[in-house]
Every structure is written in C-alpha cells, then in structure tokens.
Protein backbone atom coordinates (compact mmCIF):
# COMPACT_ATOMS: atom_id res chain seq x y z
CA MET A 1 107.38 140.90 106.11
CA ALA A 2 106.52 141.33 102.45
CA LYS A 3 102.92 141.55 101.35
CA GLN A 4 101.17 138.18 101.32
CA SER A 5 100.61 138.55 97.55
CA ASP A 6 104.35 138.94 96.95
CA LEU A 7 106.52 136.48 98.91
CA GLU A 8 109.00 135.60 96.14
CA GLY A 9 112.54 135.50 97.53
CA VAL A 10 111.38 135.65 101.18
CA ARG A 11 112.87 133.08 103.56
CA PHE A 12 110.87 131.16 106.18
CA GLY A 13 113.19 128.96 108.26
CA LYS A 14 115.03 126.79 105.73
CA LEU A 15 112.55 127.58 102.95
CA THR A 16 112.99 130.20 100.26
CA VAL A 17 109.86 131.15 98.29
CA LEU A 18 110.44 130.66 94.54
CA GLU A 19 107.16 131.52 92.92
CA LYS A 20 103.40 131.79 93.32
CA THR A 21 101.28 128.95 91.84
CA GLU A 22 97.71 129.07 90.61
CA GLN A 23 96.59 126.74 93.34
CA ARG A 24 94.61 127.86 96.40
CA ARG A 25 94.23 126.08 99.76
CA ASN A 26 91.40 127.28 102.00
CA GLY A 27 91.53 130.61 100.20
CA TYR A 28 95.28 131.06 100.63
CA ILE A 29 97.87 131.29 97.86
CA VAL A 30 100.04 128.20 97.40
CA TRP A 31 103.77 128.87 96.90
CA ARG A 32 106.57 126.70 95.53
CA CYS A 33 109.46 126.83 97.94
CA ARG A 34 113.06 125.46 97.92
CA CYS A 35 114.65 124.08 101.04
CA ASP A 36 118.30 124.52 101.98
CA CYS A 37 118.73 120.79 101.44
CA GLY A 38 117.72 121.24 97.77
CA GLY A 39 114.24 119.77 98.04
CA GLU A 40 111.14 121.59 96.94
CA ILE A 41 107.70 121.79 98.49
CA LEU A 42 104.36 123.46 97.92
CA THR A 43 102.77 125.23 100.86
CA ASP A 44 100.31 128.08 101.46
CA THR A 45 100.71 131.61 102.83
CA ARG A 46 99.14 130.87 106.20
CA ARG A 47 101.52 128.03 107.04
CA LEU A 48 104.53 130.07 106.01
CA ALA A 49 103.43 133.14 107.98
CA ARG A 50 102.62 131.19 111.13
CA GLY A 51 105.82 129.19 111.02
CA THR A 52 103.89 125.92 110.84
CA ILE A 53 106.28 124.72 108.19
CA LYS A 54 109.96 125.69 108.04
CA ASP A 55 111.54 123.05 105.85
CA CYS A 56 110.61 120.42 103.25
CA GLY A 57 110.53 117.71 105.86
CA CYS A 58 114.19 116.85 105.70
CA THR A 59 114.77 117.74 109.37
CA PRO A 60 112.71 115.44 111.60
CA LYS A 61 111.02 117.20 114.50
CA GLU A 62 111.53 115.89 118.01
CA ASN A 63 107.84 115.08 118.34
CA ALA A 64 107.36 113.91 114.76
CA ARG A 65 105.30 110.76 114.41
CA ASN A 66 107.74 109.09 112.07
CA GLY A 67 110.77 109.91 114.20
CA SER A 68 112.95 110.09 111.04
CA THR A 69 112.97 111.37 107.50
CA ALA A 70 109.88 110.29 105.63
CA GLU A 71 110.15 107.64 102.94
CA ASN A 72 110.32 109.08 99.42
CA LEU A 73 107.23 107.93 97.51
CA SER A 74 107.84 110.04 94.36
CA GLY A 75 106.99 108.15 91.18
CA GLN A 76 105.24 105.29 92.97
CA LYS A 77 101.62 104.41 92.11
CA PHE A 78 98.85 103.54 94.55
CA GLY A 79 95.62 102.49 92.87
CA LYS A 80 94.82 105.24 90.39
CA LEU A 81 97.17 107.72 92.06
CA ARG A 82 100.74 108.41 90.95
CA VAL A 83 102.90 110.35 93.44
CA LEU A 84 104.36 113.54 91.91
CA TYR A 85 106.14 115.37 94.73
CA ARG A 86 105.98 116.07 98.43
CA THR A 87 103.72 118.85 99.70
CA ALA A 88 103.04 120.41 103.05
CA ASN A 89 102.37 118.11 105.98
CA TYR A 90 98.78 117.59 107.09
CA LYS A 91 98.14 117.28 110.85
CA GLY A 92 101.73 116.18 111.42
CA ARG A 93 101.64 113.54 108.67
CA THR A 94 103.81 113.55 105.57
CA CYS A 95 101.71 114.54 102.53
CA TRP A 96 102.26 113.94 98.82
CA MET A 97 100.79 115.57 95.76
CA CYS A 98 99.40 112.86 93.48
CA GLN A 99 97.86 112.75 90.03
CA CYS A 100 94.88 110.48 89.42
CA ASP A 101 94.39 108.51 86.20
CA CYS A 102 91.41 110.73 85.47
CA GLY A 103 93.74 113.75 85.41
CA ARG A 104 92.91 115.38 88.72
CA LYS A 105 95.44 116.13 91.41
CA LYS A 106 95.02 115.41 95.09
CA ALA A 107 97.19 115.76 98.21
CA VAL A 108 97.30 112.51 100.18
CA THR A 109 99.18 111.46 103.33
CA SER A 110 101.75 108.67 103.19
CA HIS A 111 99.64 106.66 105.62
CA ASP A 112 96.51 106.80 103.43
CA LEU A 113 98.52 105.87 100.33
CA LYS A 114 100.41 102.91 101.81
CA SER A 115 97.42 101.56 103.75
CA GLY A 116 95.21 101.60 100.63
CA LYS A 117 92.70 103.91 102.27
CA CYS A 118 92.97 106.33 99.32
CA LYS A 119 93.19 104.90 95.84
CA SER A 120 91.90 107.75 93.67
CA CYS A 121 90.99 111.43 93.71
CA GLY A 122 87.44 110.36 94.53
CA CYS A 123 86.36 109.30 91.08
CA LEU A 124 86.62 105.58 91.98
CA ALA A 125 83.70 105.96 94.38
CA TYR A 126 81.51 106.98 91.44
CA ASP A 127 82.86 104.37 89.06
CA ARG A 128 80.24 101.71 89.51
CA SER A 129 81.77 99.53 86.77
CA ALA A 130 84.85 99.01 88.95
CA LEU A 131 82.73 97.65 91.78
CA ARG A 132 80.14 95.74 89.74
CA VAL A 133 80.08 91.94 89.76
CA ASP A 134 79.86 90.42 86.26
CA LEU A 135 76.80 88.19 86.15
CA THR A 136 76.72 87.86 82.38
CA GLY A 137 75.49 84.39 81.37
CA GLN A 138 74.91 83.22 84.93
CA GLN A 139 71.62 81.53 85.70
CA PHE A 140 69.50 82.15 88.79
CA GLY A 141 66.56 79.79 88.93
CA ARG A 142 64.79 80.34 85.64
CA LEU A 143 66.54 83.69 84.99
CA THR A 144 69.70 84.12 82.92
CA ALA A 145 71.50 87.46 83.28
CA LEU A 146 72.17 89.03 79.88
CA TYR A 147 73.69 92.47 80.49
CA PRO A 148 73.72 95.27 83.15
CA THR A 149 71.59 98.38 82.63
CA ALA A 150 72.13 101.96 83.73
CA ARG A 151 69.39 101.64 86.35
CA ARG A 152 70.20 101.44 90.08
CA ASP A 153 67.90 100.87 93.05
CA SER A 154 67.91 103.00 96.19
CA LYS A 155 70.88 101.06 97.57
CA GLY A 156 72.93 101.37 94.38
CA SER A 157 72.41 97.77 93.20
CA VAL A 158 72.67 97.36 89.43
CA TYR A 159 69.62 96.23 87.45
CA TRP A 160 70.39 93.34 85.09
CA HIS A 161 68.36 92.56 81.98
CA CYS A 162 67.45 88.89 82.23
CA VAL A 163 65.60 86.33 80.15
CA CYS A 164 63.37 83.68 81.71
CA THR A 165 63.10 80.09 80.49
CA CYS A 166 59.49 80.87 79.55
CA GLY A 167 60.76 83.48 77.09
CA ASN A 168 59.77 86.61 79.01
CA GLU A 169 62.40 89.25 79.79
CA LYS A 170 62.72 91.11 83.12
CA GLU A 171 65.10 93.61 84.79
CA VAL A 172 66.19 92.43 88.23
CA THR A 173 68.71 93.92 90.69
CA GLU A 174 72.04 92.26 91.27
CA SER A 175 71.21 91.72 94.97
CA GLY A 176 67.80 90.24 94.02
CA LEU A 177 69.52 87.64 91.80
CA VAL A 178 72.44 86.80 94.08
CA PHE A 179 70.34 86.42 97.21
CA GLY A 180 67.62 84.40 95.47
CA ASN A 181 64.85 86.91 95.83
CA TYR A 182 63.97 86.46 92.17
CA ARG A 183 63.94 83.06 90.48
CA SER A 184 61.75 83.77 87.47
CA CYS A 185 59.92 86.55 85.65
CA GLY A 186 56.87 85.77 87.76
CA CYS A 187 55.76 82.61 85.98
CA LEU A 188 57.05 80.37 88.78
CA LYS A 189 54.84 82.07 91.37
CA GLN A 190 51.81 81.73 89.13
CA GLU A 191 52.48 78.02 88.62
CA ASN A 192 52.92 77.44 92.35
CA GLN A 193 49.66 79.26 93.13
CA LYS A 194 47.86 77.09 90.59
CA ASN A 195 49.36 73.91 92.04
CA ILE A 196 48.41 74.95 95.57
CA SER A 197 44.83 75.75 94.49
CA LYS A 198 44.53 72.28 92.95
CA LYS A 199 45.46 70.66 96.28
CA LEU A 200 42.88 72.68 98.27
CA HIS A 201 39.27 71.59 98.59
CA ARG A 202 36.86 74.49 98.56
CA VAL A 203 33.28 73.51 99.40
CA ASP A 204 30.35 75.87 99.81
CA GLY A 205 32.74 78.84 99.81
CA THR A 206 35.00 77.40 102.52
CA CYS A 207 38.50 75.85 102.24
CA ILE A 208 38.67 72.63 104.14
CA GLU A 209 42.48 72.56 104.63
CA ILE A 210 42.63 76.12 105.99
CA LEU A 211 39.76 75.45 108.39
CA GLU A 212 41.45 72.26 109.65
CA ARG A 213 44.78 74.01 110.20
CA ARG A 214 43.55 77.34 111.50
CA LYS A 215 46.18 79.21 113.55
CA HIS A 216 46.42 82.32 115.71
CA ARG A 217 46.34 85.62 113.79
CA CYS A 218 49.52 87.69 113.99
CA ASP A 219 47.44 90.80 114.87
CA ASN A 220 45.68 89.14 117.80
CA THR A 221 45.90 91.23 120.97
CA SER A 222 44.91 88.65 123.56
CA GLY A 223 46.79 85.51 122.64
CA PHE A 224 43.74 83.55 121.53
CA ARG A 225 42.19 83.54 118.06
CA GLY A 226 39.05 85.56 117.69
CA VAL A 227 39.49 87.27 121.07
CA TYR A 228 40.67 90.88 121.08
CA ARG A 229 41.36 93.15 124.01
CA MET A 230 39.77 96.58 123.66
CA LYS A 231 41.01 99.88 125.05
CA ASN A 232 38.42 99.75 127.86
CA GLY A 233 39.98 96.45 129.04
CA LYS A 234 37.12 94.21 127.91
CA TYR A 235 37.56 91.27 125.51
CA ARG A 236 35.72 91.36 122.18
CA VAL A 237 34.86 88.02 120.55
CA ASP A 238 33.94 87.24 116.97
CA ILE A 239 34.19 84.38 114.50
CA GLY A 240 34.59 84.29 110.74
CA PHE A 241 32.91 81.93 108.30
CA LYS A 242 32.38 82.05 104.51
CA GLY A 243 33.64 85.63 104.21
CA ARG A 244 31.46 86.96 107.04
CA ARG A 245 32.28 87.86 110.63
CA PHE A 246 29.81 87.29 113.47
CA TYR A 247 30.09 89.42 116.62
CA LEU A 248 29.71 87.22 119.71
CA GLY A 249 29.88 89.91 122.39
CA SER A 250 32.32 91.52 124.83
CA PHE A 251 33.34 90.19 128.22
CA GLU A 252 35.05 91.38 131.38
CA GLU A 253 37.01 88.17 131.93
CA PHE A 254 39.38 86.60 129.38
CA GLU A 255 38.30 83.03 130.33
CA ASP A 256 34.65 83.87 129.57
CA ALA A 257 35.61 85.30 126.17
CA VAL A 258 37.68 82.20 125.29
CA LYS A 259 34.81 79.86 126.31
CA VAL A 260 32.37 81.71 124.03
CA ARG A 261 34.82 81.52 121.16
CA LEU A 262 35.43 77.76 121.62
CA ASP A 263 31.70 77.10 121.73
CA ALA A 264 31.26 79.01 118.48
CA GLU A 265 34.16 77.10 116.84
CA LYS A 266 32.55 73.82 117.83
CA ALA A 267 29.21 74.82 116.40
CA VAL A 268 30.50 76.53 113.20
CA HIS A 269 33.94 75.24 112.24
CA GLU A 270 33.78 71.75 113.65
CA GLY A 271 30.14 71.51 112.66
CA PHE A 272 31.00 72.35 109.05
CA LEU A 273 33.84 69.81 108.95
CA LYS A 274 31.60 67.11 110.41
CA ALA A 275 28.93 67.87 107.82
CA TYR A 276 31.56 67.85 105.05
CA TYR A 277 33.00 64.45 105.91
CA GLN A 278 29.45 63.00 106.23
CA TRP A 279 28.62 64.48 102.85
CA LYS A 280 31.78 62.96 101.28
CA GLU A 281 30.90 59.57 102.82
CA ASN A 282 27.40 59.75 101.33
CA ALA A 283 28.81 60.68 97.95
CA GLY A 284 31.15 57.67 97.90
CA GLU A 285 33.07 57.64 94.60
CA ASP A 286 30.21 59.07 92.56
CA PRO A 287 31.15 62.60 91.37
CA ASN A 288 27.70 63.05 89.88
CA TRP A 289 26.13 62.68 93.31
CA GLU A 290 28.25 65.58 94.64
CA GLU A 291 27.11 67.82 91.77
CA GLU A 292 23.45 66.88 92.19
CA ASN A 293 23.57 67.19 95.99
CA PRO A 294 25.82 70.16 96.87
CA LEU A 295 26.85 70.72 100.46
CA VAL A 296 25.12 73.73 102.01
CA PHE A 297 25.98 74.86 105.54
CA GLU A 298 24.45 78.19 106.52
CA VAL A 299 25.15 80.25 109.63
CA GLU A 300 22.96 83.09 110.79
CA LYS A 301 22.76 85.22 113.90
CA VAL A 302 19.27 85.32 115.37
CA ASN A 303 18.52 87.30 118.56
CA GLY A 304 22.24 87.38 119.42
CA THR A 305 22.67 83.62 118.99
CA LEU A 306 24.35 81.72 116.11
CA GLU A 307 22.06 79.29 114.38
CA ILE A 308 23.01 76.61 111.84
CA GLY A 309 20.58 75.86 109.10
CA ASN A 310 20.12 74.20 105.68
CA VAL A 311 22.68 71.50 106.39
CA SER A 312 22.92 69.05 103.51
CA LYS A 313 22.99 65.37 104.47
C-alpha cells in the first residue's frame, strides 16, 4: 500500500482516490474519492485502509439499515443547513456534508436532517434571538415590557426593561413576567403592606388579629405550638408575648408540656384579649378616652411563675 500521506490514484474497492483535502477527521487526512458509478465521496485514511468504506453508497449492503440506495438530499435545505454532497457513512447511517448559513460546514446523517434533530452547525443553540419570545408592548400587571436587554439569569431567561404605571423602570426576566412573579416595580407590594397594616389593630405592642388567629409554627418539632422536643427526648415549653419569650420549663411527658402551654395561653393570650375587649367597651366611641387611658398589660416571670400586672380597666 502507498504511504498514508500519498494515496492519490490508489483504489479501495470501487473507490479511486483523487486528491487530498485540507480537512482532518480524528487526526486522519480526508480524501476525495470517485466511485466506479461516477459518484464522489469524502472519507478519511483510516476508513479506506480498514476497508470500512468501499464505495460511495451506491451498492446497498445486505445488512444496511435502509435496505436500498439512500435518497439523494443534495441541494435540499434543512433549517440553516444546505446539503452539499454525500460523505462517509457514520455508524451505518448515510451522512451528508452540509453548509450552515453562518458559513461553517458540518457532516450530518440523513436521519438527523429529515427528523429535524439537527438544524444548524450548532450556532442556533447560541442564537438566543431565535428562541426569544417578543414581549414588546405587552403588559403584565403594572409593568409594560419595552425592550430586551443583553442580561440573562442563571437559567438563560432574558431580562426585559419595563416601565411601571407609577413611572419607575425595572428590569425583569421573561419568566418572571410570563409566570406572574412580577406585577410591578415594587410599588404594589408597598401599597398592599400599607393596606394590611391599616386593617390590623396593634395595642400595647401586640397585634390583636395575629393573636386571635395564632397558628402552629412551621418549625415546631412536637406538633403543638410552643412545645419543642429536645435531643434528650424531653419537651421544652415557652410562650411569646410583646416581643419577649418566657421559658416555662421542660417535661418528660408530652401531655404535661401541652397542659402547661395551654395554661400559659389562657393567662397571657386570652387574658390580654379579654382585657382588650373590656377596654374597648369602656372607651365606647370616644377616641379621646383611649388616648387618655392606654391599655397596659404586663407579663413578668417571678420565681418561675408568670404573673400578670398593671392591667388597665
């Protein structure tokens, strides 16, 4: 056999090597060959030397997947790829050399071209503009999308420059707009917080509505509010009031811990609510009376016991 660097004129099966190209495939020289049928094909030194390829594909193999001569796709376009000529088969599949609109060349199987699996040399995956949804002029809550920016979040979502009805401008991701995670520049949240605060009654440092609707904490380890199971198996009990927490002790039995907690709630929480409603009843409709006679409800721990003092009437 001739040297691998000089195969011009050498025959391999039905193929005659015409010339060496500048292309390389896995480090091997790629040669332009002519088949006895008149067709031409590009293949590398290794495939020729091993006898992997012996013709341009014109003679179907007995075990070929297609079972007949492959369809000629020359000149056809698939996505950004235009088929130039047939090249060496890849894993038993007919393969075509294609040129992308961006100028690059890529060998693609007939299956990937016709199924739409491959539509470019790879540049389409990096062309965000081809995949981007146009949100220009669309309104999402108080936000109107003006134009896309070059910014992307960690998931590749485009940041859109938006204007809020209040006049402020804000950059929000496409997913944040479409899925309703953002409805304003932040002004809507501030307004809602103000409206909520107006509906709540805070007296003597305590919110009446929150106290009335107290629920179990999500970090509770026992299943009952204010009762927490410790590593030693005992149950720790405490109660919060006016920004302070009062330790009520630790107990071997869960039922004992719950009873202590309920007794504390009755004395502190329910005691405060009772004092509040009595205070409101005494005030009647006179706002001046409330200002001159503020409600004071103090809780202190004396000798391990909670004591209530300075209760306004």
